[in-house]
């Protein structure tokens, strides 16, 4: 597996950081690929931005799919 580089950037957009009143928007950089992210819409995020729940579900699903494909290929299925 190659190198993995992850960077997160969040900027305070309000005057003061207050509970339930701060921007959830942030940027994720993975090996020089950029993604707009935030929280789930139910928690103030935007519908069209990646949220942690989606990221985790996608990672698990992708891992399971790749494992299945590797095993199926070895079995010449």
Protein backbone atom coordinates (compact mmCIF):
# COMPACT_ATOMS: atom_id res chain seq x y z
CA UNK A 1 0.00 0.00 0.00
CA UNK A 2 1.29 3.45 -0.87
CA UNK A 3 1.56 6.50 1.32
CA UNK A 4 -1.61 7.97 2.74
CA UNK A 5 -1.82 11.66 3.50
CA UNK A 6 -4.96 13.17 5.05
CA UNK A 7 -5.45 16.80 5.98
CA UNK A 8 -8.52 18.54 7.41
CA UNK A 9 -9.18 22.27 7.24
CA UNK A 10 -11.92 24.03 9.21
CA UNK A 11 -12.26 27.81 9.57
CA UNK A 12 -14.34 29.64 12.17
CA UNK A 13 -16.90 31.62 10.16
CA UNK A 14 -18.69 33.23 13.09
CA UNK A 15 -17.44 35.76 15.64
CA UNK A 16 -17.61 33.26 18.51
CA UNK A 17 -17.68 29.47 18.68
CA UNK A 18 -21.05 28.56 20.24
CA UNK A 19 -22.81 25.19 20.58
CA UNK A 20 -25.17 24.46 17.64
CA UNK A 21 -24.25 27.78 16.01
CA UNK A 22 -20.96 27.09 14.23
CA UNK A 23 -20.21 26.08 10.67
CA UNK A 24 -19.74 22.37 10.17
CA UNK A 25 -18.24 22.84 6.71
CA UNK A 26 -14.65 21.76 6.22
CA UNK A 27 -12.30 20.52 3.54
CA UNK A 28 -10.68 17.11 3.41
CA UNK A 29 -7.52 16.49 1.42
CA UNK A 30 -6.56 12.88 0.73
CA UNK A 31 -3.35 12.48 -1.28
CA UNK A 32 -3.91 15.82 -3.09
CA UNK A 33 -7.60 15.10 -3.80
CA UNK A 34 -9.98 17.62 -2.21
CA UNK A 35 -13.51 17.04 -0.89
CA UNK A 36 -16.03 19.44 0.64
CA UNK A 37 -17.38 17.96 3.84
CA UNK A 38 -19.59 18.76 6.79
CA UNK A 39 -21.94 17.11 9.20
CA UNK A 40 -25.07 15.18 8.24
CA UNK A 41 -27.96 17.48 7.22
CA UNK A 42 -29.80 16.59 10.44
CA UNK A 43 -26.94 18.29 12.31
CA UNK A 44 -26.65 21.42 10.18
CA UNK A 45 -24.63 20.08 7.27
CA UNK A 46 -25.33 20.45 3.57
CA UNK A 47 -27.04 17.68 1.54
CA UNK A 48 -24.42 17.76 -1.23
CA UNK A 49 -21.33 17.52 0.99
CA UNK A 50 -19.67 14.39 2.29
CA UNK A 51 -20.31 13.71 5.98
CA UNK A 52 -18.49 11.38 8.41
CA UNK A 53 -21.28 8.79 8.40
CA UNK A 54 -21.19 8.56 4.60
CA UNK A 55 -17.39 8.39 4.58
CA UNK A 56 -17.35 5.52 7.08
CA UNK A 57 -20.11 3.59 5.29
CA UNK A 58 -18.35 4.07 1.93
CA UNK A 59 -15.01 2.89 3.34
CA UNK A 60 -16.54 -0.26 4.87
CA UNK A 61 -18.57 -1.02 1.74
CA UNK A 62 -15.56 -0.53 -0.52
CA UNK A 63 -13.40 -2.77 1.67
CA UNK A 64 -16.02 -5.54 1.63
CA UNK A 65 -16.44 -5.26 -2.15
CA UNK A 66 -12.69 -5.41 -2.80
CA UNK A 67 -12.34 -8.43 -0.50
CA UNK A 68 -15.17 -10.21 -2.33
CA UNK A 69 -13.65 -9.40 -5.73
CA UNK A 70 -10.20 -10.64 -4.64
CA UNK A 71 -11.64 -13.92 -3.36
CA UNK A 72 -13.88 -14.37 -6.41
CA UNK A 73 -10.89 -13.76 -8.71
CA UNK A 74 -8.76 -16.30 -6.83
CA UNK A 75 -11.56 -18.87 -7.17
CA UNK A 76 -11.94 -17.90 -10.87
CA UNK A 77 -15.63 -17.49 -10.11
